[in-house]
Amino acid sequence: RLYWTARWRAKAKAQLAEHPLCIMCEAEGVIEPATVCDHVIPHRGDVDLFWNGETQSLCGTHHSRAKQAEEAGSRRRR
């Protein structure tokens, strides 16, 4: 639900305006526009972390593949 709020859309828009390139692509030496505002630390329903946690700009590919795999790996290690 939180992702559909005007507050989140404004936060995401500001993140992408300030950091318009995917940070994971940049780390690979590739210039790719970011399209997703992603939580650096998965909030897992924690409302405070959702609103106040650090965010980063990612392209769709990195958000849906690399970041999801990274989060799945961290769940397995717990």
C-alpha atoms as a PDB file:
ATOM      1  CA  ARG A   1       0.000   0.000   0.000  1.00  0.00           C
ATOM      2  CA  LEU A   2       2.742   2.481   0.846  1.00  0.00           C
ATOM      3  CA  TYR A   3       4.136   2.380  -2.685  1.00  0.00           C
ATOM      4  CA  TRP A   4       0.886   3.810  -4.076  1.00  0.00           C
ATOM      5  CA  THR A   5       0.835   6.912  -1.892  1.00  0.00           C
ATOM      6  CA  ALA A   6       1.550  10.409  -3.170  1.00  0.00           C
ATOM      7  CA  ARG A   7       4.217  10.689  -0.485  1.00  0.00           C
ATOM      8  CA  TRP A   8       6.150   7.683  -1.824  1.00  0.00           C
ATOM      9  CA  ARG A   9       5.772   8.807  -5.448  1.00  0.00           C
ATOM     10  CA  ALA A  10       7.233  12.195  -4.490  1.00  0.00           C
ATOM     11  CA  LYS A  11      10.108  10.564  -2.574  1.00  0.00           C
ATOM     12  CA  ALA A  12      10.888   8.218  -5.467  1.00  0.00           C
ATOM     13  CA  LYS A  13      10.700  11.028  -8.019  1.00  0.00           C
ATOM     14  CA  ALA A  14      13.104  13.142  -5.941  1.00  0.00           C
ATOM     15  CA  GLN A  15      15.542  10.202  -5.591  1.00  0.00           C
ATOM     16  CA  LEU A  16      15.587   9.592  -9.342  1.00  0.00           C
ATOM     17  CA  ALA A  17      15.942  13.301 -10.116  1.00  0.00           C
ATOM     18  CA  GLU A  18      18.916  13.623  -7.759  1.00  0.00           C
ATOM     19  CA  HIS A  19      20.537  10.333  -8.855  1.00  0.00           C
ATOM     20  CA  PRO A  20      19.313   9.577 -12.400  1.00  0.00           C
ATOM     21  CA  LEU A  21      21.708   6.697 -13.153  1.00  0.00           C
ATOM     22  CA  CYS A  22      21.621   3.098 -11.930  1.00  0.00           C
ATOM     23  CA  ILE A  23      24.321   2.692  -9.297  1.00  0.00           C
ATOM     24  CA  MET A  24      24.807  -1.015 -10.053  1.00  0.00           C
ATOM     25  CA  CYS A  25      25.308  -0.320 -13.768  1.00  0.00           C
ATOM     26  CA  GLU A  26      27.762   2.453 -12.889  1.00  0.00           C
ATOM     27  CA  ALA A  27      29.733  -0.011 -10.734  1.00  0.00           C
ATOM     28  CA  GLU A  28      30.004  -2.220 -13.840  1.00  0.00           C
ATOM     29  CA  GLY A  29      31.178   0.727 -15.974  1.00  0.00           C
ATOM     30  CA  VAL A  30      27.841   1.036 -17.781  1.00  0.00           C
ATOM     31  CA  ILE A  31      25.743   4.186 -18.036  1.00  0.00           C
ATOM     32  CA  GLU A  32      22.054   3.287 -17.690  1.00  0.00           C
ATOM     33  CA  PRO A  33      19.148   5.475 -16.577  1.00  0.00           C
ATOM     34  CA  ALA A  34      17.573   4.486 -13.278  1.00  0.00           C
ATOM     35  CA  THR A  35      13.844   3.847 -13.234  1.00  0.00           C
ATOM     36  CA  VAL A  36      13.348   2.465  -9.709  1.00  0.00           C
ATOM     37  CA  CYS A  37      13.823   4.000  -6.279  1.00  0.00           C
ATOM     38  CA  ASP A  38      14.963   1.065  -4.150  1.00  0.00           C
ATOM     39  CA  HIS A  39      15.401   0.647  -0.409  1.00  0.00           C
ATOM     40  CA  VAL A  40      19.061  -0.129   0.352  1.00  0.00           C
ATOM     41  CA  ILE A  41      17.991  -2.142   3.394  1.00  0.00           C
ATOM     42  CA  PRO A  42      14.812  -4.122   2.693  1.00  0.00           C
ATOM     43  CA  HIS A  43      12.069  -2.673   4.901  1.00  0.00           C
ATOM     44  CA  ARG A  44      10.082  -5.931   5.139  1.00  0.00           C
ATOM     45  CA  GLY A  45       6.999  -4.042   6.285  1.00  0.00           C
ATOM     46  CA  ASP A  46       8.787  -1.791   8.801  1.00  0.00           C
ATOM     47  CA  VAL A  47       7.000   1.521   8.192  1.00  0.00           C
ATOM     48  CA  ASP A  48       9.734   3.619   9.825  1.00  0.00           C
ATOM     49  CA  LEU A  49      12.410   1.993   7.652  1.00  0.00           C
ATOM     50  CA  PHE A  50      10.171   2.371   4.598  1.00  0.00           C
ATOM     51  CA  TRP A  51       9.951   6.144   5.006  1.00  0.00           C
ATOM     52  CA  ASN A  52      13.301   6.909   6.612  1.00  0.00           C
ATOM     53  CA  GLY A  53      15.630   4.239   5.280  1.00  0.00           C
ATOM     54  CA  GLU A  54      18.267   5.000   2.682  1.00  0.00           C
ATOM     55  CA  THR A  55      17.214   4.651  -0.952  1.00  0.00           C
ATOM     56  CA  GLN A  56      19.174   4.157  -4.152  1.00  0.00           C
ATOM     57  CA  SER A  57      18.479   4.495  -7.862  1.00  0.00           C
ATOM     58  CA  LEU A  58      18.430   1.304  -9.947  1.00  0.00           C
ATOM     59  CA  CYS A  59      17.500   0.316 -13.487  1.00  0.00           C
ATOM     60  CA  GLY A  60      14.641  -2.157 -13.854  1.00  0.00           C
ATOM     61  CA  THR A  61      16.978  -5.050 -14.637  1.00  0.00           C
ATOM     62  CA  HIS A  62      19.099  -4.635 -11.539  1.00  0.00           C
ATOM     63  CA  HIS A  63      16.087  -4.076  -9.337  1.00  0.00           C
ATOM     64  CA  SER A  64      14.244  -7.158 -10.517  1.00  0.00           C
ATOM     65  CA  ARG A  65      17.228  -9.502 -10.834  1.00  0.00           C
ATOM     66  CA  ALA A  66      20.367  -8.578  -8.928  1.00  0.00           C
ATOM     67  CA  LYS A  67      18.736  -6.844  -5.964  1.00  0.00           C
ATOM     68  CA  GLN A  68      16.071  -9.520  -5.562  1.00  0.00           C
ATOM     69  CA  ALA A  69      18.734 -12.268  -5.640  1.00  0.00           C
ATOM     70  CA  GLU A  70      20.800 -10.328  -3.091  1.00  0.00           C
ATOM     71  CA  GLU A  71      17.795 -10.032  -0.776  1.00  0.00           C
ATOM     72  CA  ALA A  72      16.919 -13.713  -1.190  1.00  0.00           C
ATOM     73  CA  GLY A  73      20.503 -14.646  -0.272  1.00  0.00           C
ATOM     74  CA  SER A  74      20.386 -12.530   2.861  1.00  0.00           C
ATOM     75  CA  ARG A  75      17.152 -14.252   3.920  1.00  0.00           C
ATOM     76  CA  ARG A  76      18.807 -17.665   3.564  1.00  0.00           C
ATOM     77  CA  ARG A  77      21.804 -16.632   5.689  1.00  0.00           C
ATOM     78  CA  ARG A  78      19.588 -15.608   8.616  1.00  0.00           C
END
